[in-house]
Amino acid sequence: QVQLVESGGGLVQPGGSLRLSCKASGSTFSVYTAGWYRQAPGKQRELVAHISWSGSINYADPVKGRFTISRDNVEKTVNLQMNSLKPEDTAVYYCNAHFRTQNYWGQGTQVTVSS
């Protein structure tokens, strides 16, 4: 069992930056693929970025070059540095961890990009 708690969301102006953090507790975090998804109003939840246990990273096309995902298996955290934010990045951001048939979600944190 893994529990995930996100922090770091908020309101930022276009072009600004935010850093999201996800703290995991419970089972062995290091074996999990960890990542961030987002869901905007009226839209389906979509992948933002994920990082495997070995450090392999995948980004969604809309965030490439602007967002950076990282993880610390000792601290059991996965972070998302978001730069050059755009209004279309506005969404609830969810932390995710999965391994084989196990799939866990955080409660979500709101990111709003607006002037």
C-alpha atoms as a PDB file:
ATOM      1  CA  GLN A   1       0.000   0.000   0.000  1.00  0.00           C
ATOM      2  CA  VAL A   2       1.234   3.487  -0.910  1.00  0.00           C
ATOM      3  CA  GLN A   3      -0.164   6.817   0.219  1.00  0.00           C
ATOM      4  CA  LEU A   4       0.576   9.913  -1.829  1.00  0.00           C
ATOM      5  CA  VAL A   5       0.270  13.520  -0.673  1.00  0.00           C
ATOM      6  CA  GLU A   6       0.780  16.413  -3.087  1.00  0.00           C
ATOM      7  CA  SER A   7       1.748  19.977  -2.282  1.00  0.00           C
ATOM      8  CA  GLY A   8       2.871  23.098  -4.091  1.00  0.00           C
ATOM      9  CA  GLY A   9      -0.090  24.086  -6.226  1.00  0.00           C
ATOM     10  CA  GLY A  10      -1.456  27.596  -6.427  1.00  0.00           C
ATOM     11  CA  LEU A  11      -2.097  30.626  -8.578  1.00  0.00           C
ATOM     12  CA  VAL A  12       0.650  31.910 -10.872  1.00  0.00           C
ATOM     13  CA  GLN A  13       0.828  34.375 -13.725  1.00  0.00           C
ATOM     14  CA  PRO A  14       1.566  33.237 -17.279  1.00  0.00           C
ATOM     15  CA  GLY A  15       5.286  32.734 -17.713  1.00  0.00           C
ATOM     16  CA  GLY A  16       5.760  31.958 -14.043  1.00  0.00           C
ATOM     17  CA  SER A  17       6.952  28.845 -12.264  1.00  0.00           C
ATOM     18  CA  LEU A  18       5.669  26.396  -9.685  1.00  0.00           C
ATOM     19  CA  ARG A  19       7.142  23.303  -8.093  1.00  0.00           C
ATOM     20  CA  LEU A  20       4.883  20.417  -7.153  1.00  0.00           C
ATOM     21  CA  SER A  21       5.970  17.823  -4.645  1.00  0.00           C
ATOM     22  CA  CYS A  22       4.554  14.410  -3.866  1.00  0.00           C
ATOM     23  CA  LYS A  23       5.464  12.578  -0.691  1.00  0.00           C
ATOM     24  CA  ALA A  24       4.926   8.823  -0.597  1.00  0.00           C
ATOM     25  CA  SER A  25       4.567   6.653   2.453  1.00  0.00           C
ATOM     26  CA  GLY A  26       4.003   2.982   2.969  1.00  0.00           C
ATOM     27  CA  SER A  27       5.470   0.316   0.779  1.00  0.00           C
ATOM     28  CA  THR A  28       8.754   0.299  -1.126  1.00  0.00           C
ATOM     29  CA  PHE A  29       8.536   3.413  -3.255  1.00  0.00           C
ATOM     30  CA  SER A  30      11.671   2.801  -5.281  1.00  0.00           C
ATOM     31  CA  VAL A  31      10.152   0.011  -7.393  1.00  0.00           C
ATOM     32  CA  TYR A  32       7.244   2.145  -8.539  1.00  0.00           C
ATOM     33  CA  THR A  33       6.956   4.215 -11.665  1.00  0.00           C
ATOM     34  CA  ALA A  34       5.960   7.631 -10.351  1.00  0.00           C
ATOM     35  CA  GLY A  35       4.439  10.481 -12.216  1.00  0.00           C
ATOM     36  CA  TRP A  36       2.117  13.407 -12.566  1.00  0.00           C
ATOM     37  CA  TYR A  37      -1.198  13.615 -14.367  1.00  0.00           C
ATOM     38  CA  ARG A  38      -3.570  16.534 -14.745  1.00  0.00           C
ATOM     39  CA  GLN A  39      -7.248  17.071 -15.346  1.00  0.00           C
ATOM     40  CA  ALA A  40      -8.712  20.303 -16.598  1.00  0.00           C
ATOM     41  CA  PRO A  41     -12.438  21.076 -16.268  1.00  0.00           C
ATOM     42  CA  GLY A  42     -14.448  19.124 -18.802  1.00  0.00           C
ATOM     43  CA  LYS A  43     -11.435  17.123 -19.961  1.00  0.00           C
ATOM     44  CA  GLN A  44     -10.046  13.678 -19.306  1.00  0.00           C
ATOM     45  CA  ARG A  45      -7.122  13.098 -17.010  1.00  0.00           C
ATOM     46  CA  GLU A  46      -3.891  13.093 -18.987  1.00  0.00           C
ATOM     47  CA  LEU A  47      -0.280  12.191 -18.400  1.00  0.00           C
ATOM     48  CA  VAL A  48       2.104  15.067 -17.738  1.00  0.00           C
ATOM     49  CA  ALA A  49       5.299  13.141 -17.019  1.00  0.00           C
ATOM     50  CA  HIS A  50       6.474   9.958 -15.379  1.00  0.00           C
ATOM     51  CA  ILE A  51       9.771   8.535 -14.187  1.00  0.00           C
ATOM     52  CA  SER A  52      10.535   4.854 -13.780  1.00  0.00           C
ATOM     53  CA  TRP A  53      12.384   3.145 -10.975  1.00  0.00           C
ATOM     54  CA  SER A  54      15.538   3.294 -13.135  1.00  0.00           C
ATOM     55  CA  GLY A  55      15.163   6.986 -13.915  1.00  0.00           C
ATOM     56  CA  SER A  56      13.719   6.675 -17.409  1.00  0.00           C
ATOM     57  CA  ILE A  57      11.538   9.730 -18.078  1.00  0.00           C
ATOM     58  CA  ASN A  58       8.640  10.427 -20.401  1.00  0.00           C
ATOM     59  CA  TYR A  59       6.991  13.828 -20.944  1.00  0.00           C
ATOM     60  CA  ALA A  60       3.773  14.709 -22.679  1.00  0.00           C
ATOM     61  CA  ASP A  61       4.401  16.820 -25.766  1.00  0.00           C
ATOM     62  CA  PRO A  62       2.694  19.996 -24.412  1.00  0.00           C
ATOM     63  CA  VAL A  63       5.127  20.221 -21.478  1.00  0.00           C
ATOM     64  CA  LYS A  64       8.399  19.168 -23.089  1.00  0.00           C
ATOM     65  CA  GLY A  65      11.109  21.726 -22.505  1.00  0.00           C
ATOM     66  CA  ARG A  66       9.107  23.482 -19.776  1.00  0.00           C
ATOM     67  CA  PHE A  67       8.536  20.859 -17.065  1.00  0.00           C
ATOM     68  CA  THR A  68      11.088  18.698 -15.282  1.00  0.00           C
ATOM     69  CA  ILE A  69      10.271  15.612 -13.231  1.00  0.00           C
ATOM     70  CA  SER A  70      12.594  14.166 -10.621  1.00  0.00           C
ATOM     71  CA  ARG A  71      12.468  11.633  -7.840  1.00  0.00           C
ATOM     72  CA  ASP A  72      14.290  10.865  -4.610  1.00  0.00           C
ATOM     73  CA  ASN A  73      13.832   7.264  -3.554  1.00  0.00           C
ATOM     74  CA  VAL A  74      15.398   7.831  -0.145  1.00  0.00           C
ATOM     75  CA  GLU A  75      13.009  10.666   0.676  1.00  0.00           C
ATOM     76  CA  LYS A  76      10.195   8.921  -1.247  1.00  0.00           C
ATOM     77  CA  THR A  77       9.343  12.026  -3.204  1.00  0.00           C
ATOM     78  CA  VAL A  78       8.584  12.854  -6.806  1.00  0.00           C
ATOM     79  CA  ASN A  79       8.722  16.483  -7.882  1.00  0.00           C
ATOM     80  CA  LEU A  80       7.561  18.431 -10.888  1.00  0.00           C
ATOM     81  CA  GLN A  81       9.255  21.723 -11.695  1.00  0.00           C
ATOM     82  CA  MET A  82       6.996  23.720 -13.994  1.00  0.00           C
ATOM     83  CA  ASN A  83       8.438  26.726 -15.831  1.00  0.00           C
ATOM     84  CA  SER A  84       7.032  29.045 -18.487  1.00  0.00           C
ATOM     85  CA  LEU A  85       3.532  28.211 -17.371  1.00  0.00           C
ATOM     86  CA  LYS A  86       0.631  28.874 -19.722  1.00  0.00           C
ATOM     87  CA  PRO A  87      -3.093  29.330 -19.055  1.00  0.00           C
ATOM     88  CA  GLU A  88      -3.685  25.952 -20.700  1.00  0.00           C
ATOM     89  CA  ASP A  89      -1.648  24.340 -17.917  1.00  0.00           C
ATOM     90  CA  THR A  90      -4.477  25.155 -15.522  1.00  0.00           C
ATOM     91  CA  ALA A  91      -5.738  21.898 -14.028  1.00  0.00           C
ATOM     92  CA  VAL A  92      -5.823  19.709 -10.964  1.00  0.00           C
ATOM     93  CA  TYR A  93      -2.506  17.866 -10.841  1.00  0.00           C
ATOM     94  CA  TYR A  94      -2.408  14.350  -9.448  1.00  0.00           C
ATOM     95  CA  CYS A  95       0.534  12.331  -8.261  1.00  0.00           C
ATOM     96  CA  ASN A  96       0.547   8.691  -9.327  1.00  0.00           C
ATOM     97  CA  ALA A  97       2.575   5.617  -8.452  1.00  0.00           C
ATOM     98  CA  HIS A  98       2.155   2.256 -10.098  1.00  0.00           C
ATOM     99  CA  PHE A  99       3.861  -1.126 -10.113  1.00  0.00           C
ATOM    100  CA  ARG A 100       2.445  -4.173 -11.886  1.00  0.00           C
ATOM    101  CA  THR A 101      -1.229  -4.266 -10.874  1.00  0.00           C
ATOM    102  CA  GLN A 102      -0.878  -1.716  -8.086  1.00  0.00           C
ATOM    103  CA  ASN A 103      -1.941   1.816  -8.936  1.00  0.00           C
ATOM    104  CA  TYR A 104      -2.192   4.708  -6.460  1.00  0.00           C
ATOM    105  CA  TRP A 105      -3.302   8.337  -6.675  1.00  0.00           C
ATOM    106  CA  GLY A 106      -2.906  11.395  -4.542  1.00  0.00           C
ATOM    107  CA  GLN A 107      -5.783  13.713  -3.749  1.00  0.00           C
ATOM    108  CA  GLY A 108      -4.730  16.323  -6.292  1.00  0.00           C
ATOM    109  CA  THR A 109      -3.524  19.910  -6.113  1.00  0.00           C
ATOM    110  CA  GLN A 110      -4.931  22.844  -8.077  1.00  0.00           C
ATOM    111  CA  VAL A 111      -2.688  24.792 -10.435  1.00  0.00           C
ATOM    112  CA  THR A 112      -4.159  27.956 -11.904  1.00  0.00           C
ATOM    113  CA  VAL A 113      -2.284  30.032 -14.467  1.00  0.00           C
ATOM    114  CA  SER A 114      -3.940  33.393 -14.908  1.00  0.00           C
ATOM    115  CA  SER A 115      -3.169  37.089 -15.021  1.00  0.00           C
END
